[in-house]
Amino acid sequence: MAPVPSFPIKVGQIDDVQELRKAKPTTIPARFVRDMTERPILNTAPSSPDDFPIIDFSRLIKDNRDEYCGSEILQLARACEQWGFFQVINHGIDLSLLEKIEEVASDFFMLPLEEKQKYPMAPGTVQGYGQAFVFSEDQKLDWCNMFALGIEPHFIRNPKLWPLKPPKFSETVEEYSREVRKLCQNLLKYIAMTLGLKADIFEEMFGVAVQAIRMNYYPPCSRPDLVLGLSPHSDGSALTVLQQGKGSSSVGLQILKDNKWVPVQPVPNALVINIGDTLEVLTNGKYKSVEHRAVTHKEKDRLSIVTFYAPSYDIELGPMPELVDENNPCKYRRYTHGEYNKHYVTNKLQGKKTLEFAKIKS
């Protein structure tokens, strides 16, 4: 998610999905129509909240305070190992702040196109307004508009991309990002405990952690069976935090579990957490990043706000020695997070293909 040098990639004018929707086309433009093998199956029933792991953050704190391996920490371990995804409730972030970030994000996407285009996402970068991970004229496009910003450390920020409208956009993003950063730091402490490691191992290892935010807006689509809101991928982060818009009544997130796409039913006021490629490498594959995608709806729009949290670019990564043994030999090579980040943002989204960069070839 961090800014990288521009690459010599020439991409034609990318159609703005909101503007396409306004034009009410009788057919979906070919650049959005997926090949048969990629098209989503939309009649799958959403997962029940009881099926999908839910972690009560307030209980995690109690487990830790009581100094025993409580049931919630065990539940967290199962969620990380078996799903790579979970929803966290009672996370401690003020619900009014969740509403405020949704409001400014929605207001931004509703601005006139010429206003949003003041903050363009340049080819080869992943900050600004537009579509990321587009590298060729014949590449299929997602039915989605994005707006992304680097947050921490400060040197990754591009001040020219921070919008002046809507009012209070920047201060709301700052406040929200501080709270989500604290949540990521705390969740990583408990994830370390599930691995039998000291609680602050990730914080000590990560240095000044990299953090970025991306807002995704998915307009309705007359043929949701032909398009994808977001292509299948795993995240390059250590942790990703997803806030599904409160006003988004349609289910958009799907995760690949047991070779099936499972729709994730939002839980009110919960945040969705997923393991990124970086944690998969650090845990030597014990906790795996999970392929996920977004689908669209014929009549309803959808908003999501995503935070990516990862180590400093100069940190060298590789499996932690505590998680390598004869039964689980080293699966990944050593590299810096900056190297992986550059590799990640200069390749299109293709499931978990990006992680091949780190794997030791057998």
Protein backbone atom coordinates (compact mmCIF):
# COMPACT_ATOMS: atom_id res chain seq x y z
CA MET A 1 0.00 0.00 0.00
CA ALA A 2 2.94 2.37 0.31
CA PRO A 3 4.04 4.75 -2.42
CA VAL A 4 6.62 3.33 -4.78
CA PRO A 5 8.46 4.92 -7.70
CA SER A 6 6.40 5.28 -10.85
CA PHE A 7 6.94 2.48 -13.33
CA PRO A 8 6.96 2.79 -17.10
CA ILE A 9 3.50 1.31 -17.48
CA LYS A 10 1.13 2.89 -19.96
CA VAL A 11 -2.51 2.26 -19.22
CA GLY A 12 -5.38 3.68 -21.23
CA GLN A 13 -8.18 5.75 -19.74
CA ILE A 14 -9.86 3.60 -17.11
CA ASP A 15 -13.62 3.94 -17.05
CA ASP A 16 -14.94 5.33 -13.78
CA VAL A 17 -17.48 2.82 -12.48
CA GLN A 18 -19.76 5.40 -10.86
CA GLU A 19 -19.92 7.36 -14.11
CA LEU A 20 -20.66 4.16 -16.01
CA ARG A 21 -23.50 3.42 -13.64
CA LYS A 22 -24.96 6.90 -14.15
CA ALA A 23 -24.95 6.35 -17.91
CA LYS A 24 -27.10 3.20 -17.44
CA PRO A 25 -25.38 1.15 -20.16
CA THR A 26 -27.47 -1.59 -21.77
CA THR A 27 -24.46 -3.91 -21.67
CA ILE A 28 -21.44 -4.21 -19.39
CA PRO A 29 -18.26 -2.88 -21.07
CA ALA A 30 -16.01 -5.74 -22.13
CA ARG A 31 -13.14 -4.67 -19.85
CA PHE A 32 -15.29 -5.54 -16.83
CA VAL A 33 -16.74 -8.83 -18.09
CA ARG A 34 -14.90 -11.76 -16.54
CA ASP A 35 -13.97 -14.99 -18.22
CA MET A 36 -16.36 -17.83 -17.47
CA THR A 37 -14.01 -19.43 -14.94
CA GLU A 38 -13.76 -16.19 -12.92
CA ARG A 39 -17.44 -15.25 -12.74
CA PRO A 40 -19.00 -15.30 -9.28
CA ILE A 41 -21.78 -17.59 -8.14
CA LEU A 42 -24.19 -15.24 -6.42
CA ASN A 43 -26.92 -17.54 -5.12
CA THR A 44 -24.72 -18.93 -2.36
CA ALA A 45 -26.28 -18.37 1.06
CA PRO A 46 -24.24 -16.07 3.31
CA SER A 47 -22.38 -17.76 6.13
CA SER A 48 -24.12 -17.61 9.46
CA PRO A 49 -22.36 -15.50 12.07
CA ASP A 50 -22.22 -18.74 14.07
CA ASP A 51 -20.19 -20.40 11.29
CA PHE A 52 -17.62 -17.62 10.98
CA PRO A 53 -15.19 -17.03 13.89
CA ILE A 54 -16.14 -14.11 16.15
CA ILE A 55 -13.60 -12.88 18.70
CA ASP A 56 -14.71 -10.78 21.66
CA PHE A 57 -11.81 -8.39 22.22
CA SER A 58 -12.96 -7.56 25.76
CA ARG A 59 -12.67 -11.25 26.65
CA LEU A 60 -9.17 -11.40 25.19
CA ILE A 61 -8.18 -8.64 27.59
CA LYS A 62 -9.74 -10.56 30.48
CA ASP A 63 -7.97 -13.77 29.46
CA ASN A 64 -4.67 -11.91 29.50
CA ARG A 65 -5.36 -10.17 32.81
CA ASP A 66 -6.20 -13.47 34.48
CA GLU A 67 -2.85 -14.83 33.24
CA TYR A 68 -4.15 -18.07 31.86
CA CYS A 69 -4.79 -19.38 28.42
CA GLY A 70 -8.48 -18.54 28.38
CA SER A 71 -11.15 -19.72 26.00
CA GLU A 72 -11.09 -16.55 23.89
CA ILE A 73 -7.35 -16.86 23.21
CA LEU A 74 -7.90 -20.49 22.23
CA GLN A 75 -10.73 -19.35 19.96
CA LEU A 76 -8.38 -16.79 18.40
CA ALA A 77 -5.79 -19.51 17.77
CA ARG A 78 -8.40 -21.67 16.01
CA ALA A 79 -9.60 -18.72 13.91
CA CYS A 80 -6.06 -17.90 12.77
CA GLU A 81 -5.13 -21.49 11.98
CA GLN A 82 -8.37 -22.76 10.46
CA TRP A 83 -9.81 -19.64 8.81
CA GLY A 84 -7.21 -16.86 8.56
CA PHE A 85 -10.20 -14.54 9.04
CA PHE A 86 -12.35 -13.53 11.98
CA GLN A 87 -14.70 -10.77 13.06
CA VAL A 88 -13.83 -8.87 16.23
CA ILE A 89 -16.53 -7.40 18.47
CA ASN A 90 -16.18 -5.11 21.50
CA HIS A 91 -12.97 -3.87 19.86
CA GLY A 92 -12.86 -0.64 21.85
CA ILE A 93 -13.14 1.77 18.90
CA ASP A 94 -15.92 4.28 19.49
CA LEU A 95 -18.90 3.42 17.28
CA SER A 96 -19.42 7.10 16.50
CA LEU A 97 -15.93 7.13 14.95
CA LEU A 98 -16.86 4.17 12.75
CA GLU A 99 -19.89 6.13 11.60
CA LYS A 100 -17.81 9.27 10.95
CA ILE A 101 -15.25 7.47 8.77
CA GLU A 102 -18.04 5.89 6.74
CA GLU A 103 -19.71 9.26 6.34
CA VAL A 104 -16.61 11.08 5.03
CA ALA A 105 -15.71 8.13 2.78
CA SER A 106 -19.20 8.06 1.30
CA ASP A 107 -19.23 11.85 0.90
CA PHE A 108 -15.91 11.67 -0.95
CA PHE A 109 -17.17 9.10 -3.46
CA MET A 110 -20.32 11.18 -4.04
CA LEU A 111 -18.27 14.23 -5.07
CA PRO A 112 -18.31 15.23 -8.76
CA LEU A 113 -15.83 13.26 -10.84
CA GLU A 114 -13.72 16.34 -11.61
CA GLU A 115 -13.22 16.91 -7.87
CA LYS A 116 -12.10 13.31 -7.23
CA GLN A 117 -9.79 13.41 -10.23
CA LYS A 118 -7.73 16.09 -8.47
CA TYR A 119 -6.24 13.16 -6.51
CA PRO A 120 -5.35 10.64 -9.25
CA MET A 121 -3.77 7.27 -8.65
CA ALA A 122 -0.74 7.32 -10.91
CA PRO A 123 0.22 4.13 -12.82
CA GLY A 124 2.45 1.90 -10.73
CA THR A 125 1.31 3.42 -7.44
CA VAL A 126 -1.44 2.58 -4.98
CA GLN A 127 -2.30 5.96 -3.48
CA GLY A 128 -5.01 8.29 -4.73
CA TYR A 129 -8.31 7.85 -6.55
CA GLY A 130 -8.80 5.27 -9.25
CA GLN A 131 -8.04 1.57 -9.60
CA ALA A 132 -4.88 -0.04 -8.31
CA PHE A 133 -3.02 -3.04 -9.76
CA VAL A 134 -3.86 -2.22 -13.40
CA PHE A 135 -0.88 -2.77 -15.70
CA SER A 136 -2.14 -3.51 -19.21
CA GLU A 137 -4.76 -2.45 -21.73
CA ASP A 138 -6.33 -5.91 -21.88
CA GLN A 139 -6.50 -6.51 -18.12
CA LYS A 140 -9.99 -7.03 -16.68
CA LEU A 141 -11.14 -4.23 -14.38
CA ASP A 142 -12.92 -4.48 -11.05
CA TRP A 143 -16.39 -2.97 -10.62
CA CYS A 144 -15.08 -0.65 -7.93
CA ASN A 145 -13.72 2.83 -7.33
CA MET A 146 -10.87 3.14 -4.80
CA PHE A 147 -9.30 5.91 -2.80
CA ALA A 148 -6.13 5.04 -0.89
CA LEU A 149 -3.67 6.90 1.32
CA GLY A 150 -0.43 6.06 3.09
CA ILE A 151 -0.71 6.86 6.81
CA GLU A 152 2.44 5.78 8.69
CA PRO A 153 5.33 6.38 8.78
CA HIS A 154 4.85 9.98 7.68
CA PHE A 155 7.39 9.79 4.85
CA ILE A 156 5.06 7.51 2.85
CA ARG A 157 2.37 10.19 2.74
CA ASN A 158 1.68 12.20 -0.37
CA PRO A 159 0.12 15.42 0.96
CA LYS A 160 -1.16 16.35 -2.52
CA LEU A 161 -3.49 13.35 -2.40
CA TRP A 162 -5.21 14.28 0.87
CA PRO A 163 -8.55 15.82 -0.23
CA LEU A 164 -9.85 19.19 0.91
CA LYS A 165 -13.41 17.95 0.49
CA PRO A 166 -15.47 16.75 2.24
CA PRO A 167 -14.78 18.87 5.35
CA LYS A 168 -13.12 16.99 8.22
CA PHE A 169 -12.02 14.19 5.88
CA SER A 170 -8.36 14.38 6.89
CA GLU A 171 -8.91 14.78 10.62
CA THR A 172 -11.38 11.87 10.64
CA VAL A 173 -8.93 9.62 8.76
CA GLU A 174 -6.17 10.59 11.24
CA GLU A 175 -8.30 9.83 14.30
CA TYR A 176 -9.64 6.58 12.85
CA SER A 177 -6.19 5.41 11.80
CA ARG A 178 -4.76 6.01 15.28
CA GLU A 179 -7.46 3.83 16.83
CA VAL A 180 -7.10 1.05 14.26
CA ARG A 181 -3.31 1.11 14.75
CA LYS A 182 -3.78 0.47 18.47
CA LEU A 183 -6.17 -2.37 17.69
CA CYS A 184 -3.64 -3.98 15.33
CA GLN A 185 -0.87 -3.69 17.91
CA ASN A 186 -3.05 -5.31 20.56
CA LEU A 187 -4.32 -8.08 18.30
CA LEU A 188 -0.76 -8.97 17.34
CA LYS A 189 0.07 -9.34 21.05
CA TYR A 190 -2.67 -11.91 21.47
CA ILE A 191 -1.78 -13.64 18.20
CA ALA A 192 1.80 -13.94 19.52
CA MET A 193 0.41 -15.55 22.68
CA THR A 194 -1.50 -18.11 20.61
CA LEU A 195 1.86 -19.12 19.12
CA GLY A 196 3.54 -19.48 22.51
CA LEU A 197 5.66 -16.39 21.87
CA LYS A 198 6.20 -13.35 24.09
CA ALA A 199 3.41 -10.84 23.63
CA ASP A 200 5.49 -7.93 22.32
CA ILE A 201 7.57 -9.91 19.81
CA PHE A 202 5.85 -8.44 16.74
CA GLU A 203 5.93 -4.87 18.03
CA GLU A 204 9.66 -5.19 18.71
CA MET A 205 10.27 -6.77 15.33
CA PHE A 206 8.17 -4.43 13.15
CA GLY A 207 9.87 -1.12 13.96
CA VAL A 208 7.74 1.86 12.91
CA ALA A 209 4.97 -0.18 11.32
CA VAL A 210 3.65 0.76 7.88
CA GLN A 211 -0.04 1.60 7.79
CA ALA A 212 -2.30 2.53 4.88
CA ILE A 213 -6.02 2.99 4.37
CA ARG A 214 -8.12 2.23 1.30
CA MET A 215 -11.76 3.07 0.76
CA ASN A 216 -13.68 0.95 -1.74
CA TYR A 217 -16.99 1.94 -3.32
CA TYR A 218 -18.95 -0.67 -5.26
CA PRO A 219 -21.88 0.82 -7.23
CA PRO A 220 -24.79 -1.43 -8.19
CA CYS A 221 -24.21 -3.46 -11.35
CA SER A 222 -26.94 -4.58 -13.72
CA ARG A 223 -25.10 -7.89 -14.30
CA PRO A 224 -23.35 -8.81 -11.06
CA ASP A 225 -22.94 -12.34 -12.38
CA LEU A 226 -20.46 -11.08 -15.00
CA VAL A 227 -18.16 -8.87 -12.91
CA LEU A 228 -16.12 -8.81 -9.73
CA GLY A 229 -16.00 -5.94 -7.27
CA LEU A 230 -12.44 -6.86 -6.34
CA SER A 231 -10.27 -9.58 -7.88
CA PRO A 232 -9.23 -12.60 -5.77
CA HIS A 233 -6.09 -11.92 -3.75
CA SER A 234 -4.38 -12.31 -0.41
CA ASP A 235 -3.03 -9.23 1.37
CA GLY A 236 0.66 -8.43 1.62
CA SER A 237 0.20 -7.02 5.13
CA ALA A 238 0.69 -8.63 8.50
CA LEU A 239 -2.90 -7.82 9.49
CA THR A 240 -5.77 -6.26 7.55
CA VAL A 241 -8.76 -4.60 9.22
CA LEU A 242 -11.96 -4.31 7.19
CA GLN A 243 -14.92 -2.14 8.13
CA GLN A 244 -17.99 -3.07 6.12
CA GLY A 245 -20.25 -0.08 5.60
CA LYS A 246 -23.22 -0.01 7.94
CA GLY A 247 -25.55 1.06 5.17
CA SER A 248 -24.33 -1.78 2.94
CA SER A 249 -27.05 -4.36 3.32
CA SER A 250 -25.68 -6.63 0.61
CA VAL A 251 -22.99 -9.22 1.32
CA GLY A 252 -19.90 -8.44 -0.74
CA LEU A 253 -16.92 -10.15 0.91
CA GLN A 254 -16.21 -13.77 -0.01
CA ILE A 255 -13.32 -15.87 1.25
CA LEU A 256 -11.91 -19.05 -0.26
CA LYS A 257 -12.29 -21.87 2.25
CA ASP A 258 -11.90 -25.55 1.38
CA ASN A 259 -11.85 -24.52 -2.31
CA LYS A 260 -15.27 -22.87 -2.04
CA TRP A 261 -16.16 -19.18 -2.01
CA VAL A 262 -17.87 -18.46 1.31
CA PRO A 263 -19.87 -15.19 1.62
CA VAL A 264 -19.22 -13.42 4.93
CA GLN A 265 -22.29 -12.07 6.69
CA PRO A 266 -21.44 -8.75 8.40
CA VAL A 267 -21.93 -8.59 12.17
CA PRO A 268 -23.20 -5.19 13.39
CA ASN A 269 -20.37 -2.97 14.72
CA ALA A 270 -17.77 -5.70 14.17
CA LEU A 271 -14.52 -5.35 12.24
CA VAL A 272 -13.25 -8.13 9.97
CA ILE A 273 -9.61 -9.10 10.54
CA ASN A 274 -7.52 -11.23 8.23
CA ILE A 275 -4.02 -12.67 8.26
CA GLY A 276 -1.74 -11.26 5.55
CA ASP A 277 1.16 -12.80 3.64
CA THR A 278 3.66 -11.33 6.12
CA LEU A 279 2.22 -13.29 9.06
CA GLU A 280 2.12 -16.45 6.95
CA VAL A 281 5.86 -16.09 6.34
CA LEU A 282 6.68 -15.20 9.95
CA THR A 283 4.69 -18.18 11.29
CA ASN A 284 6.25 -20.49 8.67
CA GLY A 285 2.80 -21.28 7.29
CA LYS A 286 1.10 -22.11 10.59
CA TYR A 287 -1.22 -19.13 10.07
CA LYS A 288 -1.98 -18.64 6.39
CA SER A 289 -3.15 -15.62 4.44
CA VAL A 290 -6.45 -16.37 2.75
CA GLU A 291 -7.60 -15.58 -0.74
CA HIS A 292 -10.64 -13.30 -0.79
CA ARG A 293 -12.64 -11.21 -3.25
CA ALA A 294 -15.63 -8.87 -3.44
CA VAL A 295 -18.81 -9.30 -5.47
CA THR A 296 -21.40 -6.73 -6.49
CA HIS A 297 -25.18 -6.40 -6.24
CA LYS A 298 -27.77 -5.61 -8.89
CA GLU A 299 -29.54 -2.87 -6.89
CA LYS A 300 -27.47 -2.02 -3.81
CA ASP A 301 -24.21 -0.18 -3.51
CA ARG A 302 -21.56 -1.03 -0.93
CA LEU A 303 -18.78 0.79 0.88
CA SER A 304 -15.82 -0.71 2.73
CA ILE A 305 -12.84 0.79 4.54
CA VAL A 306 -9.66 -1.25 4.74
CA THR A 307 -6.55 -0.71 6.85
CA PHE A 308 -3.29 -2.51 6.09
CA TYR A 309 -0.72 -2.95 8.87
CA ALA A 310 2.78 -4.26 8.14
CA PRO A 311 6.42 -4.08 9.29
CA SER A 312 8.74 -1.19 8.44
CA TYR A 313 10.20 -1.49 4.93
CA ASP A 314 13.75 -2.08 6.14
CA ILE A 315 12.82 -5.01 8.39
CA GLU A 316 14.14 -8.38 7.24
CA LEU A 317 11.47 -11.05 7.30
CA GLY A 318 11.53 -14.82 7.35
CA PRO A 319 10.09 -17.65 9.44
CA MET A 320 10.63 -17.14 13.16
CA PRO A 321 13.09 -19.75 14.51
CA GLU A 322 10.61 -20.82 17.19
CA LEU A 323 8.25 -22.04 14.46
CA VAL A 324 10.78 -24.03 12.40
CA ASP A 325 11.66 -27.62 13.27
CA GLU A 326 12.10 -31.06 11.70
CA ASN A 327 8.35 -31.48 11.35
CA ASN A 328 7.88 -28.00 9.89
CA PRO A 329 11.03 -27.11 7.93
CA CYS A 330 11.63 -23.56 6.71
CA LYS A 331 9.21 -22.78 3.86
CA TYR A 332 10.13 -19.16 3.06
CA ARG A 333 13.34 -17.29 2.30
CA ARG A 334 14.51 -14.08 3.93
CA TYR A 335 13.82 -10.67 2.36
CA THR A 336 12.98 -7.13 3.47
CA HIS A 337 9.39 -6.00 3.68
CA GLY A 338 10.25 -3.17 1.29
CA GLU A 339 11.25 -5.75 -1.34
CA TYR A 340 7.99 -7.62 -0.90
CA ASN A 341 5.92 -4.44 -0.93
CA LYS A 342 7.48 -3.35 -4.23
CA HIS A 343 6.84 -6.80 -5.69
CA TYR A 344 3.24 -6.79 -4.41
CA VAL A 345 2.17 -3.40 -5.77
CA THR A 346 3.75 -3.96 -9.20
CA ASN A 347 1.80 -7.11 -9.96
CA LYS A 348 -1.89 -7.54 -10.66
CA LEU A 349 -4.07 -9.35 -8.14
CA GLN A 350 -3.92 -13.08 -8.86
CA GLY A 351 -4.97 -15.06 -5.82
CA LYS A 352 -1.92 -16.02 -3.75
CA LYS A 353 0.48 -15.94 -6.68
CA THR A 354 2.35 -12.94 -5.24
CA LEU A 355 3.51 -15.01 -2.27
CA GLU A 356 5.54 -17.24 -4.62
CA PHE A 357 8.13 -14.45 -4.29
CA ALA A 358 8.90 -15.64 -0.75
CA LYS A 359 8.62 -19.41 -1.04
CA ILE A 360 11.66 -21.65 -1.00
CA LYS A 361 11.49 -23.74 -4.15
CA SER A 362 11.63 -27.45 -3.35
